[in-house]
Amino acid sequence: ASVLAPTAFSLVGQMSPGEARARAIARATLLGYFGYFVGPPLLGVLAGSFGLRFAFVWAACLVALVLVLAPILRRQRA
C-alpha cells in the first residue's frame, strides 16, 4: 500500500502534457491527501449514524463513480 500514492502521482505525470504536468500532479496530490484526511472521519460518522455496512457501500459507490467518470473526463481533455 505504501507504493500506491507515488505510483499514482507518477502515472498522472506520465499522462499529462509537459506544460501542464506540474499542475496535474499538484491537483492529484491535493485530491489524494484530501481523501486521506477527510475519508476516515467521514466513514466513521456514516458508520456511527447508519451502520458499518452503509459506510462501506457508500465508499464503494464513490469508487465506482470515480471509475466511471475518470475515462470520461480524460476523453474530454484530450
N, C-alpha and C. Protein backbone atom coordinates (compact mmCIF):
# COMPACT_ATOMS: atom_id res chain seq x y z
N ALA A 1 0.82 -1.19 0.00
CA ALA A 1 0.00 0.00 0.00
C ALA A 1 0.86 1.26 0.00
N SER A 2 2.08 1.16 0.48
CA SER A 2 2.91 2.37 0.57
C SER A 2 3.39 2.85 -0.79
N VAL A 3 3.30 2.03 -1.80
CA VAL A 3 3.73 2.46 -3.14
C VAL A 3 2.58 3.01 -3.96
N LEU A 4 1.38 3.00 -3.43
CA LEU A 4 0.22 3.42 -4.21
C LEU A 4 0.27 4.91 -4.57
N ALA A 5 0.50 5.77 -3.61
CA ALA A 5 0.49 7.21 -3.88
C ALA A 5 1.61 7.61 -4.85
N PRO A 6 2.86 7.21 -4.62
CA PRO A 6 3.89 7.60 -5.59
C PRO A 6 3.63 7.06 -7.00
N THR A 7 3.09 5.85 -7.07
CA THR A 7 2.78 5.28 -8.38
C THR A 7 1.67 6.07 -9.07
N ALA A 8 0.65 6.44 -8.31
CA ALA A 8 -0.45 7.23 -8.88
C ALA A 8 0.05 8.59 -9.35
N PHE A 9 0.89 9.24 -8.56
CA PHE A 9 1.41 10.55 -8.95
C PHE A 9 2.31 10.43 -10.18
N SER A 10 3.07 9.35 -10.26
CA SER A 10 3.91 9.11 -11.43
C SER A 10 3.05 8.91 -12.68
N LEU A 11 1.97 8.17 -12.54
CA LEU A 11 1.06 7.95 -13.66
C LEU A 11 0.44 9.26 -14.14
N VAL A 12 0.05 10.10 -13.20
CA VAL A 12 -0.51 11.41 -13.56
C VAL A 12 0.53 12.22 -14.34
N GLY A 13 1.77 12.19 -13.88
CA GLY A 13 2.82 12.91 -14.57
C GLY A 13 3.09 12.39 -15.97
N GLN A 14 3.03 11.08 -16.13
CA GLN A 14 3.27 10.49 -17.45
C GLN A 14 2.13 10.77 -18.42
N MET A 15 0.92 10.89 -17.91
CA MET A 15 -0.25 11.09 -18.77
C MET A 15 -0.50 12.56 -19.10
N SER A 16 0.20 13.46 -18.43
CA SER A 16 -0.04 14.89 -18.63
C SER A 16 0.96 15.46 -19.63
N PRO A 17 0.52 16.43 -20.43
CA PRO A 17 1.47 17.10 -21.33
C PRO A 17 2.48 17.90 -20.52
N GLY A 18 3.63 18.11 -21.09
CA GLY A 18 4.74 18.74 -20.38
C GLY A 18 4.41 20.06 -19.72
N GLU A 19 3.67 20.93 -20.43
CA GLU A 19 3.38 22.25 -19.88
C GLU A 19 2.37 22.22 -18.75
N ALA A 20 1.60 21.15 -18.64
CA ALA A 20 0.58 21.05 -17.59
C ALA A 20 0.92 20.01 -16.54
N ARG A 21 2.10 19.42 -16.62
CA ARG A 21 2.47 18.31 -15.73
C ARG A 21 2.49 18.73 -14.26
N ALA A 22 3.11 19.84 -13.95
CA ALA A 22 3.21 20.26 -12.55
C ALA A 22 1.83 20.53 -11.95
N ARG A 23 0.98 21.17 -12.72
CA ARG A 23 -0.37 21.46 -12.23
C ARG A 23 -1.17 20.17 -12.03
N ALA A 24 -1.04 19.22 -12.94
CA ALA A 24 -1.77 17.95 -12.82
C ALA A 24 -1.31 17.16 -11.60
N ILE A 25 -0.01 17.13 -11.36
CA ILE A 25 0.50 16.42 -10.18
C ILE A 25 0.05 17.12 -8.91
N ALA A 26 0.05 18.45 -8.91
CA ALA A 26 -0.41 19.19 -7.73
C ALA A 26 -1.88 18.91 -7.45
N ARG A 27 -2.70 18.86 -8.48
CA ARG A 27 -4.13 18.55 -8.28
C ARG A 27 -4.32 17.14 -7.75
N ALA A 28 -3.60 16.20 -8.33
CA ALA A 28 -3.71 14.81 -7.88
C ALA A 28 -3.27 14.68 -6.42
N THR A 29 -2.21 15.38 -6.06
CA THR A 29 -1.74 15.35 -4.68
C THR A 29 -2.77 15.96 -3.75
N LEU A 30 -3.32 17.10 -4.12
CA LEU A 30 -4.32 17.76 -3.30
C LEU A 30 -5.54 16.87 -3.08
N LEU A 31 -6.07 16.31 -4.15
CA LEU A 31 -7.25 15.45 -4.04
C LEU A 31 -6.94 14.17 -3.27
N GLY A 32 -5.76 13.61 -3.50
CA GLY A 32 -5.39 12.39 -2.80
C GLY A 32 -5.28 12.59 -1.30
N TYR A 33 -4.57 13.62 -0.90
CA TYR A 33 -4.42 13.86 0.53
C TYR A 33 -5.70 14.36 1.17
N PHE A 34 -6.53 15.05 0.42
CA PHE A 34 -7.85 15.44 0.94
C PHE A 34 -8.64 14.19 1.30
N GLY A 35 -8.59 13.20 0.43
CA GLY A 35 -9.28 11.94 0.71
C GLY A 35 -8.71 11.22 1.92
N TYR A 36 -7.39 11.27 2.09
CA TYR A 36 -6.76 10.62 3.25
C TYR A 36 -7.21 11.26 4.55
N PHE A 37 -7.38 12.57 4.56
CA PHE A 37 -7.73 13.27 5.80
C PHE A 37 -9.23 13.31 6.07
N VAL A 38 -10.03 13.40 5.03
CA VAL A 38 -11.48 13.53 5.20
C VAL A 38 -12.18 12.17 5.21
N GLY A 39 -11.68 11.23 4.43
CA GLY A 39 -12.34 9.94 4.27
C GLY A 39 -12.57 9.17 5.56
N PRO A 40 -11.54 8.88 6.34
CA PRO A 40 -11.76 8.09 7.55
C PRO A 40 -12.73 8.72 8.55
N PRO A 41 -12.62 10.01 8.87
CA PRO A 41 -13.61 10.57 9.80
C PRO A 41 -15.03 10.54 9.22
N LEU A 42 -15.15 10.80 7.93
CA LEU A 42 -16.47 10.78 7.31
C LEU A 42 -17.07 9.37 7.34
N LEU A 43 -16.27 8.37 7.04
CA LEU A 43 -16.76 6.99 7.12
C LEU A 43 -17.12 6.62 8.55
N GLY A 44 -16.37 7.13 9.51
CA GLY A 44 -16.71 6.88 10.91
C GLY A 44 -18.05 7.48 11.29
N VAL A 45 -18.31 8.69 10.85
CA VAL A 45 -19.60 9.33 11.12
C VAL A 45 -20.73 8.56 10.45
N LEU A 46 -20.52 8.17 9.20
CA LEU A 46 -21.54 7.40 8.49
C LEU A 46 -21.79 6.06 9.17
N ALA A 47 -20.72 5.39 9.59
CA ALA A 47 -20.88 4.09 10.25
C ALA A 47 -21.58 4.25 11.59
N GLY A 48 -21.25 5.30 12.33
CA GLY A 48 -21.90 5.53 13.61
C GLY A 48 -23.36 5.90 13.48
N SER A 49 -23.69 6.60 12.41
CA SER A 49 -25.07 7.05 12.22
C SER A 49 -25.95 6.02 11.53
N PHE A 50 -25.40 5.34 10.53
CA PHE A 50 -26.23 4.46 9.70
C PHE A 50 -25.78 3.00 9.69
N GLY A 51 -24.65 2.71 10.29
CA GLY A 51 -24.15 1.33 10.32
C GLY A 51 -22.93 1.16 9.43
N LEU A 52 -22.15 0.15 9.78
CA LEU A 52 -20.90 -0.10 9.06
C LEU A 52 -21.15 -0.51 7.61
N ARG A 53 -22.17 -1.30 7.39
CA ARG A 53 -22.48 -1.74 6.02
C ARG A 53 -22.77 -0.54 5.13
N PHE A 54 -23.56 0.40 5.62
CA PHE A 54 -23.89 1.59 4.84
C PHE A 54 -22.62 2.37 4.50
N ALA A 55 -21.71 2.52 5.46
CA ALA A 55 -20.49 3.28 5.22
C ALA A 55 -19.65 2.63 4.12
N PHE A 56 -19.54 1.31 4.14
CA PHE A 56 -18.75 0.64 3.12
C PHE A 56 -19.44 0.66 1.76
N VAL A 57 -20.74 0.54 1.74
CA VAL A 57 -21.48 0.63 0.47
C VAL A 57 -21.32 2.03 -0.12
N TRP A 58 -21.40 3.05 0.74
CA TRP A 58 -21.23 4.43 0.29
C TRP A 58 -19.83 4.62 -0.30
N ALA A 59 -18.81 4.10 0.38
CA ALA A 59 -17.44 4.22 -0.14
C ALA A 59 -17.29 3.47 -1.46
N ALA A 60 -17.89 2.30 -1.57
CA ALA A 60 -17.83 1.54 -2.82
C ALA A 60 -18.52 2.29 -3.96
N CYS A 61 -19.61 2.96 -3.66
CA CYS A 61 -20.31 3.76 -4.68
C CYS A 61 -19.43 4.92 -5.15
N LEU A 62 -18.70 5.54 -4.24
CA LEU A 62 -17.80 6.62 -4.64
C LEU A 62 -16.68 6.10 -5.53
N VAL A 63 -16.13 4.94 -5.19
CA VAL A 63 -15.08 4.34 -6.02
C VAL A 63 -15.64 4.03 -7.41
N ALA A 64 -16.84 3.47 -7.47
CA ALA A 64 -17.47 3.17 -8.75
C ALA A 64 -17.68 4.44 -9.56
N LEU A 65 -18.09 5.51 -8.90
CA LEU A 65 -18.29 6.78 -9.58
C LEU A 65 -16.98 7.29 -10.19
N VAL A 66 -15.90 7.19 -9.44
CA VAL A 66 -14.59 7.61 -9.95
C VAL A 66 -14.19 6.76 -11.15
N LEU A 67 -14.43 5.45 -11.06
CA LEU A 67 -14.07 4.57 -12.17
C LEU A 67 -14.88 4.88 -13.43
N VAL A 68 -16.09 5.35 -13.27
CA VAL A 68 -16.92 5.71 -14.43
C VAL A 68 -16.53 7.08 -14.97
N LEU A 69 -16.30 8.04 -14.09
CA LEU A 69 -16.04 9.41 -14.53
C LEU A 69 -14.62 9.64 -15.04
N ALA A 70 -13.64 8.93 -14.52
CA ALA A 70 -12.25 9.17 -14.91
C ALA A 70 -12.03 9.03 -16.41
N PRO A 71 -12.46 7.95 -17.04
CA PRO A 71 -12.25 7.87 -18.50
C PRO A 71 -13.01 8.94 -19.28
N ILE A 72 -14.18 9.31 -18.80
CA ILE A 72 -14.97 10.34 -19.48
C ILE A 72 -14.25 11.68 -19.40
N LEU A 73 -13.77 12.03 -18.23
CA LEU A 73 -13.05 13.30 -18.07
C LEU A 73 -11.75 13.29 -18.85
N ARG A 74 -11.10 12.16 -18.92
CA ARG A 74 -9.85 12.08 -19.67
C ARG A 74 -10.10 12.32 -21.16
N ARG A 75 -11.18 11.74 -21.70
CA ARG A 75 -11.51 11.93 -23.12
C ARG A 75 -11.87 13.38 -23.41
N GLN A 76 -12.53 14.05 -22.48
CA GLN A 76 -12.92 15.45 -22.70
C GLN A 76 -11.71 16.36 -22.76
N ARG A 77 -10.67 16.04 -22.02
CA ARG A 77 -9.48 16.88 -22.01
C ARG A 77 -8.56 16.60 -23.18
N ALA A 78 -8.67 15.42 -23.77
CA ALA A 78 -7.77 15.04 -24.87
C ALA A 78 -8.16 15.72 -26.17
